[in-house]
C-alpha atoms as a PDB file:
ATOM      1  CA  UNK A   1      88.408  74.530  99.209  1.00  0.00           C
ATOM      2  CA  UNK A   2      84.968  72.961  99.446  1.00  0.00           C
ATOM      3  CA  UNK A   3      83.283  72.807 102.848  1.00  0.00           C
ATOM      4  CA  UNK A   4      80.493  70.307 103.488  1.00  0.00           C
ATOM      5  CA  UNK A   5      78.265  71.163 106.432  1.00  0.00           C
ATOM      6  CA  UNK A   6      76.213  68.298 107.831  1.00  0.00           C
ATOM      7  CA  UNK A   7      72.780  69.727 108.615  1.00  0.00           C
ATOM      8  CA  UNK A   8      70.447  66.777 108.164  1.00  0.00           C
ATOM      9  CA  UNK A   9      69.992  65.391 111.678  1.00  0.00           C
ATOM     10  CA  UNK A  10      66.716  65.410 113.579  1.00  0.00           C
ATOM     11  CA  UNK A  11      68.227  66.890 116.761  1.00  0.00           C
ATOM     12  CA  UNK A  12      66.368  64.476 119.035  1.00  0.00           C
ATOM     13  CA  UNK A  13      68.237  65.642 122.138  1.00  0.00           C
ATOM     14  CA  UNK A  14      66.760  69.130 121.671  1.00  0.00           C
ATOM     15  CA  UNK A  15      63.137  67.992 121.401  1.00  0.00           C
ATOM     16  CA  UNK A  16      60.575  69.533 121.399  1.00  0.00           C
ATOM     17  CA  UNK A  17      62.269  72.566 119.767  1.00  0.00           C
ATOM     18  CA  UNK A  18      63.559  70.587 116.795  1.00  0.00           C
ATOM     19  CA  UNK A  19      60.135  69.203 115.953  1.00  0.00           C
ATOM     20  CA  UNK A  20      59.411  72.450 114.118  1.00  0.00           C
ATOM     21  CA  UNK A  21      62.925  73.910 113.732  1.00  0.00           C
ATOM     22  CA  UNK A  22      66.014  72.098 112.383  1.00  0.00           C
ATOM     23  CA  UNK A  23      68.930  72.255 114.801  1.00  0.00           C
ATOM     24  CA  UNK A  24      71.132  74.419 112.487  1.00  0.00           C
ATOM     25  CA  UNK A  25      68.444  77.129 112.708  1.00  0.00           C
ATOM     26  CA  UNK A  26      68.411  77.202 116.516  1.00  0.00           C
ATOM     27  CA  UNK A  27      69.104  80.831 117.499  1.00  0.00           C
ATOM     28  CA  UNK A  28      72.378  81.946 119.051  1.00  0.00           C
ATOM     29  CA  UNK A  29      71.979  85.630 119.857  1.00  0.00           C
ATOM     30  CA  UNK A  30      70.682  87.363 116.722  1.00  0.00           C
ATOM     31  CA  UNK A  31      71.562  84.503 114.375  1.00  0.00           C
ATOM     32  CA  UNK A  32      70.883  80.829 113.778  1.00  0.00           C
ATOM     33  CA  UNK A  33      73.926  78.777 114.766  1.00  0.00           C
ATOM     34  CA  UNK A  34      74.538  77.872 111.120  1.00  0.00           C
ATOM     35  CA  UNK A  35      74.698  81.548 110.170  1.00  0.00           C
ATOM     36  CA  UNK A  36      77.450  82.069 112.739  1.00  0.00           C
ATOM     37  CA  UNK A  37      79.379  79.233 111.085  1.00  0.00           C
ATOM     38  CA  UNK A  38      78.875  80.713 107.601  1.00  0.00           C
ATOM     39  CA  UNK A  39      80.118  84.107 108.760  1.00  0.00           C
ATOM     40  CA  UNK A  40      83.216  82.474 110.240  1.00  0.00           C
ATOM     41  CA  UNK A  41      83.903  80.524 107.054  1.00  0.00           C
ATOM     42  CA  UNK A  42      83.573  83.706 105.002  1.00  0.00           C
ATOM     43  CA  UNK A  43      86.187  85.379 107.234  1.00  0.00           C
ATOM     44  CA  UNK A  44      88.539  82.519 106.315  1.00  0.00           C
ATOM     45  CA  UNK A  45      87.666  82.899 102.616  1.00  0.00           C
ATOM     46  CA  UNK A  46      86.082  79.434 102.636  1.00  0.00           C
ATOM     47  CA  UNK A  47      83.104  80.251 100.454  1.00  0.00           C
ATOM     48  CA  UNK A  48      82.386  77.084  98.438  1.00  0.00           C
ATOM     49  CA  UNK A  49      79.839  75.398 100.686  1.00  0.00           C
ATOM     50  CA  UNK A  50      77.513  72.420 100.386  1.00  0.00           C
ATOM     51  CA  UNK A  51      74.775  71.913 102.953  1.00  0.00           C
ATOM     52  CA  UNK A  52      73.843  68.239 103.368  1.00  0.00           C
ATOM     53  CA  UNK A  53      70.269  68.495 104.600  1.00  0.00           C
ATOM     54  CA  UNK A  54      67.459  66.140 105.491  1.00  0.00           C
ATOM     55  CA  UNK A  55      65.076  66.807 108.372  1.00  0.00           C
ATOM     56  CA  UNK A  56      63.237  70.090 107.650  1.00  0.00           C
ATOM     57  CA  UNK A  57      65.884  70.845 105.033  1.00  0.00           C
ATOM     58  CA  UNK A  58      63.446  73.017 103.096  1.00  0.00           C
ATOM     59  CA  UNK A  59      63.459  75.510 105.977  1.00  0.00           C
ATOM     60  CA  UNK A  60      67.251  75.682 105.882  1.00  0.00           C
ATOM     61  CA  UNK A  61      67.200  76.251 102.120  1.00  0.00           C
ATOM     62  CA  UNK A  62      64.518  78.927 102.446  1.00  0.00           C
ATOM     63  CA  UNK A  63      66.567  80.820 105.033  1.00  0.00           C
ATOM     64  CA  UNK A  64      70.010  80.629 103.432  1.00  0.00           C
ATOM     65  CA  UNK A  65      69.161  80.445  99.715  1.00  0.00           C
ATOM     66  CA  UNK A  66      72.253  80.532  97.546  1.00  0.00           C
ATOM     67  CA  UNK A  67      74.341  82.149 100.303  1.00  0.00           C
ATOM     68  CA  UNK A  68      74.952  85.407  98.417  1.00  0.00           C
ATOM     69  CA  UNK A  69      73.664  87.437 101.385  1.00  0.00           C
ATOM     70  CA  UNK A  70      76.699  86.232 103.350  1.00  0.00           C
ATOM     71  CA  UNK A  71      79.183  86.323 100.482  1.00  0.00           C
ATOM     72  CA  UNK A  72      79.339  82.545 100.085  1.00  0.00           C
ATOM     73  CA  UNK A  73      78.116  80.096  97.442  1.00  0.00           C
ATOM     74  CA  UNK A  74      75.755  77.447  98.845  1.00  0.00           C
ATOM     75  CA  UNK A  75      74.641  74.252  97.144  1.00  0.00           C
ATOM     76  CA  UNK A  76      72.329  71.676  98.696  1.00  0.00           C
ATOM     77  CA  UNK A  77      72.363  67.906  98.900  1.00  0.00           C
ATOM     78  CA  UNK A  78      69.070  66.396 100.089  1.00  0.00           C
ATOM     79  CA  UNK A  79      68.917  62.990 101.770  1.00  0.00           C
ATOM     80  CA  UNK A  80      65.871  60.915 100.911  1.00  0.00           C
ATOM     81  CA  UNK A  81      66.859  58.443 103.632  1.00  0.00           C
ATOM     82  CA  UNK A  82      69.139  59.150 106.620  1.00  0.00           C
ATOM     83  CA  UNK A  83      72.731  58.286 105.648  1.00  0.00           C
ATOM     84  CA  UNK A  84      74.475  58.955 108.943  1.00  0.00           C
ATOM     85  CA  UNK A  85      77.245  61.447 109.573  1.00  0.00           C
ATOM     86  CA  UNK A  86      79.557  60.617 106.649  1.00  0.00           C
ATOM     87  CA  UNK A  87      77.267  58.659 104.313  1.00  0.00           C
ATOM     88  CA  UNK A  88      76.000  61.902 102.688  1.00  0.00           C
ATOM     89  CA  UNK A  89      79.474  62.475 101.214  1.00  0.00           C
ATOM     90  CA  UNK A  90      78.829  59.740  98.635  1.00  0.00           C
ATOM     91  CA  UNK A  91      76.005  61.848  97.169  1.00  0.00           C
ATOM     92  CA  UNK A  92      78.342  64.703  96.268  1.00  0.00           C
ATOM     93  CA  UNK A  93      80.267  65.298  93.069  1.00  0.00           C
ATOM     94  CA  UNK A  94      83.578  67.043  92.432  1.00  0.00           C
ATOM     95  CA  UNK A  95      85.265  66.031  95.681  1.00  0.00           C
ATOM     96  CA  UNK A  96      88.567  65.794  93.839  1.00  0.00           C
ATOM     97  CA  UNK A  97      90.608  68.014  96.154  1.00  0.00           C
ATOM     98  CA  UNK A  98      91.177  68.328  99.902  1.00  0.00           C
ATOM     99  CA  UNK A  99      87.890  69.284 101.555  1.00  0.00           C
ATOM    100  CA  UNK A 100      86.504  70.051 104.999  1.00  0.00           C
ATOM    101  CA  UNK A 101      83.478  68.479 106.672  1.00  0.00           C
ATOM    102  CA  UNK A 102      81.814  69.865 109.778  1.00  0.00           C
ATOM    103  CA  UNK A 103      78.645  69.640 111.806  1.00  0.00           C
ATOM    104  CA  UNK A 104      76.160  72.472 111.459  1.00  0.00           C
ATOM    105  CA  UNK A 105      75.376  72.777 115.157  1.00  0.00           C
ATOM    106  CA  UNK A 106      78.603  73.820 116.867  1.00  0.00           C
ATOM    107  CA  UNK A 107      79.915  77.062 118.304  1.00  0.00           C
ATOM    108  CA  UNK A 108      83.679  77.474 118.235  1.00  0.00           C
ATOM    109  CA  UNK A 109      86.515  79.955 117.832  1.00  0.00           C
ATOM    110  CA  UNK A 110      88.644  77.405 115.953  1.00  0.00           C
ATOM    111  CA  UNK A 111      90.639  78.911 113.097  1.00  0.00           C
ATOM    112  CA  UNK A 112      89.678  76.682 110.171  1.00  0.00           C
ATOM    113  CA  UNK A 113      92.700  77.702 108.119  1.00  0.00           C
ATOM    114  CA  UNK A 114      95.071  76.589 110.877  1.00  0.00           C
ATOM    115  CA  UNK A 115      93.351  73.189 110.843  1.00  0.00           C
ATOM    116  CA  UNK A 116      93.710  72.888 107.060  1.00  0.00           C
ATOM    117  CA  UNK A 117      97.383  73.902 107.177  1.00  0.00           C
ATOM    118  CA  UNK A 118      98.071  71.311 109.881  1.00  0.00           C
ATOM    119  CA  UNK A 119      96.335  68.627 107.824  1.00  0.00           C
ATOM    120  CA  UNK A 120      98.441  69.329 104.757  1.00  0.00           C
ATOM    121  CA  UNK A 121     101.641  68.966 106.789  1.00  0.00           C
ATOM    122  CA  UNK A 122     100.525  65.606 108.199  1.00  0.00           C
ATOM    123  CA  UNK A 123     100.245  63.807 104.849  1.00  0.00           C
ATOM    124  CA  UNK A 124      97.178  62.030 106.288  1.00  0.00           C
ATOM    125  CA  UNK A 125      94.017  60.822 104.584  1.00  0.00           C
ATOM    126  CA  UNK A 126      91.998  62.578 107.307  1.00  0.00           C
ATOM    127  CA  UNK A 127      92.531  64.988 110.175  1.00  0.00           C
ATOM    128  CA  UNK A 128      90.194  65.250 113.158  1.00  0.00           C
ATOM    129  CA  UNK A 129      89.911  68.464 115.176  1.00  0.00           C
ATOM    130  CA  UNK A 130      89.852  67.461 118.836  1.00  0.00           C
ATOM    131  CA  UNK A 131      89.682  68.861 122.332  1.00  0.00           C
ATOM    132  CA  UNK A 132      90.451  67.548 125.788  1.00  0.00           C
ATOM    133  CA  UNK A 133      87.433  66.921 127.977  1.00  0.00           C
ATOM    134  CA  UNK A 134      87.374  65.923 131.634  1.00  0.00           C
ATOM    135  CA  UNK A 135      85.034  63.389 133.214  1.00  0.00           C
ATOM    136  CA  UNK A 136      84.540  63.217 136.981  1.00  0.00           C
ATOM    137  CA  UNK A 137      83.974  59.684 138.275  1.00  0.00           C
ATOM    138  CA  UNK A 138      81.739  59.698 141.359  1.00  0.00           C
ATOM    139  CA  UNK A 139      83.001  56.359 142.688  1.00  0.00           C
ATOM    140  CA  UNK A 140      86.162  54.895 144.104  1.00  0.00           C
ATOM    141  CA  UNK A 141      87.985  53.160 141.237  1.00  0.00           C
ATOM    142  CA  UNK A 142      89.708  49.852 141.965  1.00  0.00           C
ATOM    143  CA  UNK A 143      92.487  48.195 139.981  1.00  0.00           C
ATOM    144  CA  UNK A 144      93.302  44.518 140.579  1.00  0.00           C
ATOM    145  CA  UNK A 145      95.899  42.004 139.461  1.00  0.00           C
ATOM    146  CA  UNK A 146      95.450  38.486 138.038  1.00  0.00           C
ATOM    147  CA  UNK A 147      95.234  37.094 141.599  1.00  0.00           C
ATOM    148  CA  UNK A 148      92.147  39.214 142.255  1.00  0.00           C
ATOM    149  CA  UNK A 149      94.070  41.392 144.715  1.00  0.00           C
ATOM    150  CA  UNK A 150      93.753  45.166 144.774  1.00  0.00           C
ATOM    151  CA  UNK A 151      96.854  46.956 143.489  1.00  0.00           C
ATOM    152  CA  UNK A 152      95.477  50.477 143.387  1.00  0.00           C
ATOM    153  CA  UNK A 153      92.560  52.490 144.753  1.00  0.00           C
ATOM    154  CA  UNK A 154      91.664  55.932 143.404  1.00  0.00           C
ATOM    155  CA  UNK A 155      88.897  57.900 145.080  1.00  0.00           C
ATOM    156  CA  UNK A 156      86.667  59.756 142.613  1.00  0.00           C
ATOM    157  CA  UNK A 157      89.297  60.280 139.900  1.00  0.00           C
ATOM    158  CA  UNK A 158      89.085  62.907 137.185  1.00  0.00           C
ATOM    159  CA  UNK A 159      89.752  61.357 133.783  1.00  0.00           C
ATOM    160  CA  UNK A 160      90.647  63.186 130.582  1.00  0.00           C
ATOM    161  CA  UNK A 161      89.898  62.233 126.979  1.00  0.00           C
ATOM    162  CA  UNK A 162      90.463  63.713 123.569  1.00  0.00           C
ATOM    163  CA  UNK A 163      87.085  64.079 121.865  1.00  0.00           C
ATOM    164  CA  UNK A 164      86.134  64.916 118.307  1.00  0.00           C
ATOM    165  CA  UNK A 165      84.909  68.483 117.708  1.00  0.00           C
ATOM    166  CA  UNK A 166      82.877  67.432 114.676  1.00  0.00           C
ATOM    167  CA  UNK A 167      85.250  69.195 112.246  1.00  0.00           C
ATOM    168  CA  UNK A 168      87.372  67.177 109.810  1.00  0.00           C
ATOM    169  CA  UNK A 169      89.637  67.634 106.815  1.00  0.00           C
ATOM    170  CA  UNK A 170      89.605  64.813 104.255  1.00  0.00           C
ATOM    171  CA  UNK A 171      91.505  63.845 101.145  1.00  0.00           C
ATOM    172  CA  UNK A 172      89.373  62.838  98.115  1.00  0.00           C
ATOM    173  CA  UNK A 173      90.241  59.133  98.435  1.00  0.00           C
ATOM    174  CA  UNK A 174      88.274  59.010 101.706  1.00  0.00           C
ATOM    175  CA  UNK A 175      85.170  58.433  99.539  1.00  0.00           C
ATOM    176  CA  UNK A 176      86.522  54.995  98.607  1.00  0.00           C
ATOM    177  CA  UNK A 177      86.012  53.894 102.224  1.00  0.00           C
ATOM    178  CA  UNK A 178      82.363  54.984 102.507  1.00  0.00           C
ATOM    179  CA  UNK A 179      79.677  52.585 101.201  1.00  0.00           C
ATOM    180  CA  UNK A 180      77.128  54.141  98.867  1.00  0.00           C
ATOM    181  CA  UNK A 181      73.457  54.219  99.684  1.00  0.00           C
ATOM    182  CA  UNK A 182      73.953  53.026 103.262  1.00  0.00           C
ATOM    183  CA  UNK A 183      73.899  54.685 106.637  1.00  0.00           C
ATOM    184  CA  UNK A 184      77.519  55.163 107.640  1.00  0.00           C
ATOM    185  CA  UNK A 185      78.717  57.183 110.617  1.00  0.00           C
ATOM    186  CA  UNK A 186      81.986  58.842 111.493  1.00  0.00           C
ATOM    187  CA  UNK A 187      82.965  56.147 114.057  1.00  0.00           C
ATOM    188  CA  UNK A 188      82.457  53.481 111.378  1.00  0.00           C
ATOM    189  CA  UNK A 189      84.787  55.371 109.052  1.00  0.00           C
ATOM    190  CA  UNK A 190      87.474  55.843 111.702  1.00  0.00           C
ATOM    191  CA  UNK A 191      87.422  52.154 112.625  1.00  0.00           C
ATOM    192  CA  UNK A 192      87.757  51.199 108.963  1.00  0.00           C
ATOM    193  CA  UNK A 193      90.681  53.582 108.409  1.00  0.00           C
ATOM    194  CA  UNK A 194      92.460  52.153 111.452  1.00  0.00           C
ATOM    195  CA  UNK A 195      91.823  48.633 110.193  1.00  0.00           C
ATOM    196  CA  UNK A 196      93.297  49.575 106.801  1.00  0.00           C
ATOM    197  CA  UNK A 197      96.257  51.269 108.558  1.00  0.00           C
ATOM    198  CA  UNK A 198      95.541  54.650 107.011  1.00  0.00           C
ATOM    199  CA  UNK A 199      97.027  57.692 108.710  1.00  0.00           C
ATOM    200  CA  UNK A 200      94.545  59.893 110.573  1.00  0.00           C
ATOM    201  CA  UNK A 201      95.951  63.136 111.938  1.00  0.00           C
ATOM    202  CA  UNK A 202      94.778  64.642 115.239  1.00  0.00           C
ATOM    203  CA  UNK A 203      94.648  68.422 115.606  1.00  0.00           C
ATOM    204  CA  UNK A 204      94.308  69.308 119.279  1.00  0.00           C
ATOM    205  CA  UNK A 205      92.521  72.617 119.683  1.00  0.00           C
ATOM    206  CA  UNK A 206      92.523  74.842 122.755  1.00  0.00           C
ATOM    207  CA  UNK A 207      89.834  77.121 121.340  1.00  0.00           C
ATOM    208  CA  UNK A 208      86.325  77.573 122.669  1.00  0.00           C
ATOM    209  CA  UNK A 209      83.994  74.817 121.459  1.00  0.00           C
ATOM    210  CA  UNK A 210      80.487  73.634 122.244  1.00  0.00           C
ATOM    211  CA  UNK A 211      78.194  71.201 120.483  1.00  0.00           C
ATOM    212  CA  UNK A 212      74.659  72.558 121.026  1.00  0.00           C
ATOM    213  CA  UNK A 213      73.041  69.102 120.804  1.00  0.00           C
ATOM    214  CA  UNK A 214      71.974  69.013 124.466  1.00  0.00           C
ATOM    215  CA  UNK A 215      69.777  71.637 126.185  1.00  0.00           C
ATOM    216  CA  UNK A 216      72.394  72.552 128.802  1.00  0.00           C
ATOM    217  CA  UNK A 217      75.145  72.985 126.196  1.00  0.00           C
ATOM    218  CA  UNK A 218      72.785  74.996 123.999  1.00  0.00           C
ATOM    219  CA  UNK A 219      72.097  77.354 126.896  1.00  0.00           C
ATOM    220  CA  UNK A 220      75.836  77.698 127.565  1.00  0.00           C
ATOM    221  CA  UNK A 221      76.397  78.540 123.896  1.00  0.00           C
ATOM    222  CA  UNK A 222      73.702  81.227 123.964  1.00  0.00           C
ATOM    223  CA  UNK A 223      75.193  82.804 127.081  1.00  0.00           C
ATOM    224  CA  UNK A 224      78.772  82.651 125.773  1.00  0.00           C
ATOM    225  CA  UNK A 225      77.817  84.176 122.418  1.00  0.00           C
ATOM    226  CA  UNK A 226      75.929  87.030 124.060  1.00  0.00           C
ATOM    227  CA  UNK A 227      78.918  87.827 126.307  1.00  0.00           C
ATOM    228  CA  UNK A 228      81.624  87.453 123.650  1.00  0.00           C
ATOM    229  CA  UNK A 229      80.007  88.059 120.278  1.00  0.00           C
ATOM    230  CA  UNK A 230      83.166  89.639 118.819  1.00  0.00           C
ATOM    231  CA  UNK A 231      85.201  86.561 119.778  1.00  0.00           C
ATOM    232  CA  UNK A 232      83.082  84.428 117.457  1.00  0.00           C
ATOM    233  CA  UNK A 233      82.410  86.871 114.623  1.00  0.00           C
ATOM    234  CA  UNK A 234      85.639  88.917 114.722  1.00  0.00           C
ATOM    235  CA  UNK A 235      83.636  92.090 114.315  1.00  0.00           C
ATOM    236  CA  UNK A 236      85.176  95.516 114.528  1.00  0.00           C
END
């Protein structure tokens, strides 16, 4: 199965670090975060990998080369203009079988093969790996009726949401819903699939997961990796 790793963003939330270093090369312990991902994919025998790169993509290519050092086969797709989070898929050839797409800046213990197996059972055009996140509201929340009268008051509620982990499994026909040569993001694609009444599966994960896009989450990822390296790399 082909895996496309999105590694072309500018990582603005991690400025000034990402001025000189692309976010997928940000260090987690002894490795760049993208190397951790490649090692995990290799453990799952997912070795056919395309890196969709843009900002400072030459540094990523210089570091990872053809991937042989890690036992994987890496090809590169360079964006001349930013195409968003799913737009780069239209630049790729041979997406004629089920494939996986993921961000190149996340730290997780998700078993990718379990996600793929779930997707195949769903008979969906796409499956989104998700996790529950909690949001604390620092205000009293009021609910009213049509007569402008209060019917409920909740002091500082804690709300939960399912959020995307930035890991997806797609069927080849997904490309038909992505415009070519235009910036097109994952939310745009999901809205279009819902509009067209296409089935999108949701895989709820209870694994560890962090997107390192913000400085505080990046620091948490560094600390977690240093404490539990074997959990992420499955080393003996």
